[in-house]
Amino acid sequence: MPTTGKKILIFSLAYFPVEGGAEIAVKEITNRISNAEFDLITLRFNKIHSVQEKIGNVNVFRLDSSKTLFPFKAFLFASKLHKKYKYDLIWAIMANWAGLAAMFFKYRFPKVPYLLTLQEGDSLDFIKRKVRFIWPIFRKIFTKADLIQAISNFLGNFAKSVGYKGRIEIVPNGVDVEKFAESAFPAHGQASGNSREKPIRLITTSRLVKKNAVGDIIETLKYLPENVSLKILGTGPLEIDCKLQIENWKLEGRVEMLGHVDYNDIPRHLHQSDIFIRPSVSEGFGSSFIEAMAADLPVIATNVGGIPDFLKDYETGLFCEVNNPKSIAEKIIEYIHNPELVSRVVKNARAMVEKKYDWNLVAKQMNAIFDKLDA
């Protein structure tokens, strides 16, 4: 794409090396857009992190601040940057402290277009309870936006429920299909066969928080044959609880907790596994599911949040019930004893991912949104 000199200022509470789905999305999108320059203001979570550096196609500015003061410090710092660089638009990642900073900026510089991206993964009831004391201010993060981009229809409806009446674009998160492709790794086993003989390796890539229900997957092993094992990639506040759960149920030989795993190593672990599971209580979208599908793994998930955008029961995966380990076990057994089902959902899911969720396609859609706002 030709260079036009478009300058975009991003507000994001976290950024690399602090990473999650939202941070990965920003990096993957900006790396694929060459007709814009990106500056990003974020929180400096650790003193070892540089105050200023370039990561990919983004100039990153980190502020020493508490989360509570971040919106004010980020707004003031952004105002100084704007006097120097004259941004063509601002882009807030999530309706959190970063969105609040962008809202302040929009009040100060009303002619600068404001794009809000919704990447929230918590339940909407939880979010609304959390912001109930500042609800009128929280709503303005949405209503002051010139355009909202949501990664799922679920989050698009959330914007409407808050009172936003403007244009909403649904552009999902994506996956680097080549990075997760089967051809890049030794073939993993099929999730089917004799359940008493063949090792079946379950995997989840999840923050160890309540909404991801990793404890339900651990409990599921009580209802499955001894040859079924589980690998958990991720850290979080429930790590000790998960370890105690494993110990109390004497599952040490069947559960492997790997903690934090570098994003570039996740494809290898997926290709060493047979079935991907995340029985989420809430989910804004769920990039981990798309990555597993790209790696040709059959997926088990719950019918919540943004997951139905890409998972169709018995077409691209299987739905289990929320907070029901026995239901998860039933779906695992169904995959194990039905190789035709495994083959069908893997094939359908992979085709869907290539058609709708490749990062190159997502970046083109986002760049079109930038062009609309900058017009």
Protein backbone atom coordinates (compact mmCIF):
# COMPACT_ATOMS: atom_id res chain seq x y z
CA MET A 1 0.00 0.00 0.00
CA PRO A 2 1.34 3.48 -0.80
CA THR A 3 2.44 5.70 2.04
CA THR A 4 0.07 8.58 2.73
CA GLY A 5 1.51 9.78 6.02
CA LYS A 6 -1.62 9.06 8.06
CA LYS A 7 -0.78 9.39 11.78
CA ILE A 8 -2.75 7.37 14.33
CA LEU A 9 -2.49 7.61 18.12
CA ILE A 10 -3.40 4.46 20.05
CA PHE A 11 -4.46 4.34 23.70
CA SER A 12 -3.94 0.87 25.20
CA LEU A 13 -3.69 0.12 28.92
CA ALA A 14 -1.23 -2.72 28.21
CA TYR A 15 1.18 -3.52 25.40
CA PHE A 16 4.10 -5.80 24.71
CA PRO A 17 5.83 -7.40 26.51
CA VAL A 18 2.57 -7.47 28.52
CA GLU A 19 0.39 -9.35 26.07
CA GLY A 20 -3.09 -10.71 25.66
CA GLY A 21 -5.53 -11.04 22.80
CA ALA A 22 -6.00 -7.27 22.41
CA GLU A 23 -2.28 -6.53 22.39
CA ILE A 24 -1.60 -9.28 19.87
CA ALA A 25 -4.37 -7.88 17.66
CA VAL A 26 -2.87 -4.37 17.66
CA LYS A 27 0.57 -5.73 16.81
CA GLU A 28 -0.65 -8.03 14.03
CA ILE A 29 -2.81 -5.32 12.47
CA THR A 30 -0.27 -2.49 12.63
CA ASN A 31 2.51 -4.70 11.27
CA ARG A 32 0.44 -5.21 8.12
CA ILE A 33 -0.43 -1.55 7.48
CA SER A 34 2.27 0.47 5.74
CA ASN A 35 0.30 3.59 4.83
CA ALA A 36 0.10 4.88 8.41
CA GLU A 37 2.36 5.75 11.31
CA PHE A 38 1.32 4.54 14.76
CA ASP A 39 2.14 5.95 18.18
CA LEU A 40 0.86 4.14 21.28
CA ILE A 41 0.51 5.31 24.88
CA THR A 42 0.42 2.58 27.51
CA LEU A 43 1.12 1.88 31.16
CA ARG A 44 4.64 1.01 32.28
CA PHE A 45 3.95 -2.11 34.32
CA ASN A 46 7.58 -2.86 35.14
CA LYS A 47 10.64 -0.60 35.59
CA ILE A 48 12.62 -2.87 33.28
CA HIS A 49 10.32 -1.89 30.40
CA SER A 50 11.62 0.97 28.25
CA VAL A 51 9.91 4.32 28.57
CA GLN A 52 9.99 4.63 24.80
CA GLU A 53 10.77 2.11 22.08
CA LYS A 54 9.61 0.93 18.66
CA ILE A 55 7.88 -2.44 18.45
CA GLY A 56 7.12 -3.50 14.91
CA ASN A 57 5.35 -0.59 13.25
CA VAL A 58 4.42 1.14 16.53
CA ASN A 59 6.23 3.82 18.54
CA VAL A 60 5.47 2.89 22.14
CA PHE A 61 5.38 5.45 24.98
CA ARG A 62 5.07 4.00 28.51
CA LEU A 63 3.87 6.10 31.41
CA ASP A 64 4.74 5.58 35.08
CA SER A 65 1.32 5.66 36.70
CA SER A 66 -1.32 3.78 38.60
CA LYS A 67 -4.24 2.48 36.54
CA THR A 68 -6.52 5.04 38.19
CA LEU A 69 -4.35 7.99 37.17
CA PHE A 70 -3.47 6.59 33.75
CA PRO A 71 -6.42 8.22 31.90
CA PHE A 72 -5.39 11.69 33.07
CA LYS A 73 -1.65 11.23 32.51
CA ALA A 74 -2.26 9.60 29.13
CA PHE A 75 -4.58 12.43 28.06
CA LEU A 76 -2.03 15.11 29.04
CA PHE A 77 0.80 13.26 27.33
CA ALA A 78 -1.33 12.70 24.23
CA SER A 79 -2.16 16.40 24.09
CA LYS A 80 1.55 17.23 23.98
CA LEU A 81 2.15 14.65 21.25
CA HIS A 82 -0.78 15.97 19.23
CA LYS A 83 0.62 19.52 19.24
CA LYS A 84 3.77 18.08 17.69
CA TYR A 85 2.41 15.44 15.30
CA LYS A 86 -1.20 16.47 14.53
CA TYR A 87 -2.83 13.05 14.61
CA ASP A 88 -5.39 12.15 11.96
CA LEU A 89 -7.33 9.92 14.36
CA ILE A 90 -7.15 8.30 17.78
CA TRP A 91 -7.80 4.63 18.49
CA ALA A 92 -8.75 3.31 21.95
CA ILE A 93 -8.29 -0.37 22.73
CA MET A 94 -11.19 -1.36 24.99
CA ALA A 95 -13.61 0.69 27.06
CA ASN A 96 -11.35 0.74 30.11
CA TRP A 97 -8.83 3.25 31.46
CA ALA A 98 -7.45 3.61 27.93
CA GLY A 99 -10.90 4.37 26.56
CA LEU A 100 -11.36 6.98 29.28
CA ALA A 101 -8.11 8.70 28.18
CA ALA A 102 -9.33 8.71 24.57
CA MET A 103 -12.66 10.17 25.66
CA PHE A 104 -10.87 13.03 27.45
CA PHE A 105 -8.80 13.63 24.31
CA LYS A 106 -11.96 13.72 22.17
CA TYR A 107 -13.47 16.40 24.41
CA ARG A 108 -10.29 18.49 24.09
CA PHE A 109 -9.82 17.90 20.34
CA PRO A 110 -13.34 17.23 18.99
CA LYS A 111 -12.31 17.40 15.33
CA VAL A 112 -9.96 14.41 15.63
CA PRO A 113 -11.90 11.22 14.77
CA TYR A 114 -12.14 8.72 17.63
CA LEU A 115 -12.28 4.95 17.03
CA LEU A 116 -13.13 2.62 19.92
CA THR A 117 -12.30 -1.09 19.67
CA LEU A 118 -14.18 -3.50 21.96
CA GLN A 119 -12.11 -6.52 22.99
CA GLU A 120 -13.71 -7.13 26.40
CA GLY A 121 -13.81 -10.73 27.62
CA ASP A 122 -15.57 -10.35 30.98
CA SER A 123 -19.31 -10.79 31.27
CA LEU A 124 -21.30 -7.65 30.64
CA ASP A 125 -22.98 -7.90 34.05
CA PHE A 126 -19.54 -7.94 35.67
CA ILE A 127 -18.42 -4.89 33.66
CA LYS A 128 -21.57 -2.95 34.50
CA ARG A 129 -21.25 -3.73 38.21
CA LYS A 130 -17.62 -2.67 38.16
CA VAL A 131 -18.38 0.75 36.64
CA ARG A 132 -21.71 1.40 38.34
CA PHE A 133 -20.37 4.33 40.36
CA ILE A 134 -19.05 6.10 37.25
CA TRP A 135 -21.72 4.89 34.83
CA PRO A 136 -22.46 8.30 33.21
CA ILE A 137 -18.73 8.78 32.50
CA PHE A 138 -18.29 5.17 31.34
CA ARG A 139 -21.12 5.58 28.81
CA LYS A 140 -19.34 8.54 27.25
CA ILE A 141 -16.38 6.32 26.32
CA PHE A 142 -18.88 4.81 23.86
CA THR A 143 -21.08 7.76 22.94
CA LYS A 144 -18.18 10.10 22.14
CA ALA A 145 -16.74 7.60 19.63
CA ASP A 146 -17.14 8.40 15.93
CA LEU A 147 -17.10 4.68 15.16
CA ILE A 148 -16.97 1.49 17.23
CA GLN A 149 -15.25 -1.64 15.99
CA ALA A 150 -16.22 -4.76 17.90
CA ILE A 151 -14.57 -8.16 17.56
CA SER A 152 -17.93 -9.97 17.84
CA ASN A 153 -21.63 -9.36 17.38
CA PHE A 154 -21.99 -9.91 21.12
CA LEU A 155 -19.76 -6.89 21.85
CA GLY A 156 -21.46 -4.87 19.12
CA ASN A 157 -24.76 -5.39 20.94
CA PHE A 158 -23.04 -4.38 24.18
CA ALA A 159 -22.20 -1.00 22.63
CA LYS A 160 -25.85 -0.51 21.71
CA SER A 161 -26.99 -1.46 25.21
CA VAL A 162 -24.74 1.23 26.68
CA GLY A 163 -26.43 3.85 24.51
CA TYR A 164 -24.16 4.13 21.47
CA LYS A 165 -26.19 5.01 18.37
CA GLY A 166 -23.44 5.42 15.77
CA ARG A 167 -21.87 3.09 13.24
CA ILE A 168 -20.59 -0.29 14.43
CA GLU A 169 -18.18 -2.41 12.39
CA ILE A 170 -17.71 -6.08 13.31
CA VAL A 171 -14.08 -6.98 12.60
CA PRO A 172 -12.89 -10.04 14.53
CA ASN A 173 -9.47 -10.90 15.81
CA GLY A 174 -7.49 -13.18 13.55
CA VAL A 175 -4.77 -15.75 13.36
CA ASP A 176 -1.52 -16.13 11.48
CA VAL A 177 -2.69 -19.15 9.52
CA GLU A 178 0.79 -20.07 8.27
CA LYS A 179 2.26 -19.95 11.79
CA PHE A 180 -0.36 -22.39 13.10
CA ALA A 181 -0.55 -24.56 9.98
CA GLU A 182 -0.28 -28.32 10.11
CA SER A 183 2.45 -28.34 7.44
CA ALA A 184 4.85 -26.53 9.78
CA PHE A 185 4.78 -29.30 12.41
CA PRO A 186 4.80 -33.09 12.71
CA ALA A 187 1.27 -34.44 12.37
CA HIS A 188 -0.59 -34.82 15.67
CA GLY A 189 -2.81 -37.77 16.41
CA GLN A 190 -6.50 -37.87 15.62
CA ALA A 191 -8.86 -37.44 18.58
CA SER A 192 -10.50 -40.78 17.95
CA GLY A 193 -9.83 -44.43 18.52
CA ASN A 194 -9.99 -46.96 21.35
CA SER A 195 -10.54 -44.84 24.49
CA ARG A 196 -8.88 -47.46 26.72
CA GLU A 197 -5.66 -47.75 24.74
CA LYS A 198 -4.74 -44.67 22.74
CA PRO A 199 -3.38 -41.60 24.58
CA ILE A 200 -5.73 -38.62 24.17
CA ARG A 201 -4.12 -35.26 24.87
CA LEU A 202 -6.40 -32.37 25.81
CA ILE A 203 -5.10 -28.80 25.76
CA THR A 204 -6.27 -25.37 26.86
CA THR A 205 -4.54 -22.03 26.43
CA SER A 206 -6.17 -19.83 29.02
CA ARG A 207 -5.56 -17.21 31.66
CA LEU A 208 -6.25 -18.92 34.96
CA VAL A 209 -9.22 -16.76 35.88
CA LYS A 210 -12.79 -17.64 36.81
CA LYS A 211 -14.30 -16.79 33.43
CA ASN A 212 -12.15 -19.39 31.62
CA ALA A 213 -13.28 -22.25 33.93
CA VAL A 214 -10.02 -24.20 33.73
CA GLY A 215 -10.99 -25.93 36.97
CA ASP A 216 -13.95 -27.49 35.13
CA ILE A 217 -11.56 -29.06 32.61
CA ILE A 218 -9.45 -30.51 35.42
CA GLU A 219 -12.55 -31.97 37.09
CA THR A 220 -13.56 -33.47 33.74
CA LEU A 221 -10.67 -35.95 33.99
CA LYS A 222 -12.51 -37.72 36.84
CA TYR A 223 -15.11 -38.85 34.28
CA LEU A 224 -12.65 -39.96 31.59
CA PRO A 225 -10.35 -42.98 31.05
CA GLU A 226 -6.83 -42.90 32.50
CA ASN A 227 -5.27 -42.46 29.06
CA VAL A 228 -6.80 -38.97 28.70
CA SER A 229 -4.43 -36.21 29.86
CA LEU A 230 -4.52 -32.42 29.97
CA LYS A 231 -1.96 -29.72 29.20
CA ILE A 232 -2.64 -26.20 30.56
CA LEU A 233 -0.85 -23.19 29.06
CA GLY A 234 -1.29 -19.97 31.01
CA THR A 235 -0.94 -18.22 34.34
CA GLY A 236 -3.29 -16.25 36.55
CA PRO A 237 -4.67 -15.75 40.05
CA LEU A 238 -6.26 -19.22 40.17
CA GLU A 239 -2.99 -21.08 39.57
CA ILE A 240 -2.67 -22.26 43.19
CA ASP A 241 -6.33 -23.33 43.22
CA CYS A 242 -5.78 -25.41 40.09
CA LYS A 243 -2.70 -27.08 41.57
CA LEU A 244 -4.59 -27.92 44.76
CA GLN A 245 -7.44 -29.33 42.72
CA ILE A 246 -5.01 -31.57 40.82
CA GLU A 247 -3.40 -32.73 44.06
CA ASN A 248 -6.67 -33.39 45.91
CA TRP A 249 -7.99 -35.54 43.08
CA LYS A 250 -4.63 -37.28 42.56
CA LEU A 251 -4.37 -36.18 38.93
CA GLU A 252 -0.68 -35.20 39.00
CA GLY A 253 0.24 -37.79 36.38
CA ARG A 254 -2.50 -36.62 33.99
CA VAL A 255 -2.28 -32.83 34.17
CA GLU A 256 0.68 -30.74 33.05
CA MET A 257 0.69 -27.04 33.99
CA LEU A 258 3.24 -25.20 31.85
CA GLY A 259 2.56 -21.65 33.08
CA HIS A 260 3.38 -18.81 30.72
CA VAL A 261 4.34 -20.02 27.26
CA ASP A 262 5.76 -17.68 24.63
CA TYR A 263 3.17 -16.99 21.93
CA ASN A 264 5.51 -18.31 19.24
CA ASP A 265 5.64 -21.69 21.02
CA ILE A 266 1.88 -22.17 21.26
CA PRO A 267 1.51 -23.74 17.76
CA ARG A 268 3.96 -26.50 18.69
CA HIS A 269 1.97 -27.38 21.81
CA LEU A 270 -1.29 -27.39 19.87
CA HIS A 271 0.16 -29.80 17.34
CA GLN A 272 1.21 -32.15 20.14
CA SER A 273 -2.43 -32.34 21.29
CA ASP A 274 -5.70 -33.89 20.16
CA ILE A 275 -8.58 -31.76 21.44
CA PHE A 276 -8.77 -28.07 22.44
CA ILE A 277 -11.12 -27.08 25.27
CA ARG A 278 -12.11 -23.82 26.92
CA PRO A 279 -15.49 -23.97 28.72
CA SER A 280 -15.77 -20.19 29.15
CA VAL A 281 -18.28 -18.59 31.46
CA SER A 282 -17.97 -15.41 29.38
CA GLU A 283 -16.03 -14.56 26.23
CA GLY A 284 -15.89 -11.45 24.06
CA PHE A 285 -14.46 -13.45 21.16
CA GLY A 286 -11.77 -16.02 21.99
CA SER A 287 -8.70 -15.92 19.75
CA SER A 288 -7.42 -19.17 21.28
CA PHE A 289 -10.27 -21.08 19.64
CA ILE A 290 -9.39 -19.69 16.21
CA GLU A 291 -5.73 -20.59 16.71
CA ALA A 292 -6.67 -24.16 17.65
CA MET A 293 -8.88 -24.43 14.57
CA ALA A 294 -6.01 -23.19 12.40
CA ALA A 295 -3.88 -25.95 13.93
CA ASP A 296 -6.48 -28.56 12.88
CA LEU A 297 -7.67 -29.36 16.39
CA PRO A 298 -11.32 -30.19 17.12
CA VAL A 299 -12.68 -27.65 19.60
CA ILE A 300 -15.04 -27.83 22.57
CA ALA A 301 -16.49 -24.55 23.86
CA THR A 302 -19.53 -23.04 25.55
CA ASN A 303 -22.30 -21.18 23.74
CA VAL A 304 -21.56 -17.79 25.33
CA GLY A 305 -20.53 -14.28 24.27
CA GLY A 306 -18.82 -14.02 20.89
CA ILE A 307 -18.10 -17.75 20.49
CA PRO A 308 -21.23 -18.48 18.38
CA ASP A 309 -19.84 -16.13 15.71
CA PHE A 310 -17.41 -18.88 14.68
CA LEU A 311 -18.45 -22.10 16.40
CA LYS A 312 -21.48 -23.87 14.97
CA ASP A 313 -22.41 -27.01 16.86
CA TYR A 314 -21.39 -30.18 14.98
CA GLU A 315 -20.11 -28.04 12.08
CA THR A 316 -16.98 -26.25 13.34
CA GLY A 317 -16.85 -27.67 16.87
CA LEU A 318 -18.94 -28.91 19.78
CA PHE A 319 -20.75 -26.96 22.48
CA CYS A 320 -20.66 -28.11 26.09
CA GLU A 321 -22.68 -26.70 28.98
CA VAL A 322 -21.36 -23.92 31.20
CA ASN A 323 -19.89 -25.06 34.55
CA ASN A 324 -20.63 -28.71 33.78
CA PRO A 325 -17.54 -30.99 33.74
CA LYS A 326 -19.71 -34.03 32.91
CA SER A 327 -20.95 -32.25 29.79
CA ILE A 328 -17.34 -31.57 28.75
CA ALA A 329 -16.50 -35.25 29.28
CA GLU A 330 -19.44 -36.30 27.10
CA LYS A 331 -18.21 -34.13 24.23
CA ILE A 332 -14.66 -35.48 24.57
CA ILE A 333 -15.98 -39.05 24.41
CA GLU A 334 -18.07 -38.11 21.38
CA TYR A 335 -14.94 -36.96 19.55
CA ILE A 336 -12.97 -40.03 20.64
CA HIS A 337 -15.57 -42.47 19.30
CA ASN A 338 -16.52 -40.59 16.13
CA PRO A 339 -13.61 -40.08 13.70
CA GLU A 340 -15.98 -38.88 10.98
CA LEU A 341 -17.17 -36.07 13.26
CA VAL A 342 -13.58 -35.07 14.05
CA SER A 343 -12.67 -35.00 10.37
CA ARG A 344 -15.73 -32.93 9.47
CA VAL A 345 -15.42 -30.24 12.14
CA VAL A 346 -11.65 -29.89 11.62
CA LYS A 347 -12.09 -29.47 7.86
CA ASN A 348 -14.97 -27.00 8.20
CA ALA A 349 -13.26 -24.97 10.92
CA ARG A 350 -9.98 -24.72 9.01
CA ALA A 351 -11.79 -23.53 5.85
CA MET A 352 -13.71 -20.93 7.88
CA VAL A 353 -10.54 -19.63 9.54
CA GLU A 354 -8.75 -19.24 6.20
CA LYS A 355 -11.75 -17.43 4.70
CA LYS A 356 -12.67 -15.08 7.56
CA TYR A 357 -9.96 -14.87 10.21
CA ASP A 358 -6.59 -14.50 8.55
CA TRP A 359 -4.75 -11.47 9.97
CA ASN A 360 -4.08 -10.16 6.44
CA LEU A 361 -7.83 -9.91 5.84
CA VAL A 362 -8.45 -8.37 9.27
CA ALA A 363 -5.74 -5.74 8.65
CA LYS A 364 -7.34 -4.76 5.34
CA GLN A 365 -10.71 -4.34 7.05
CA MET A 366 -9.18 -2.21 9.79
CA ASN A 367 -7.27 -0.08 7.30
CA ALA A 368 -10.54 0.58 5.46
CA ILE A 369 -12.01 1.82 8.75
CA PHE A 370 -9.01 4.13 9.29
CA ASP A 371 -9.50 5.51 5.79
CA LYS A 372 -13.19 6.17 6.42
CA LEU A 373 -12.49 8.09 9.60
CA ASP A 374 -9.63 10.03 8.03
CA ALA A 375 -11.68 10.99 4.95
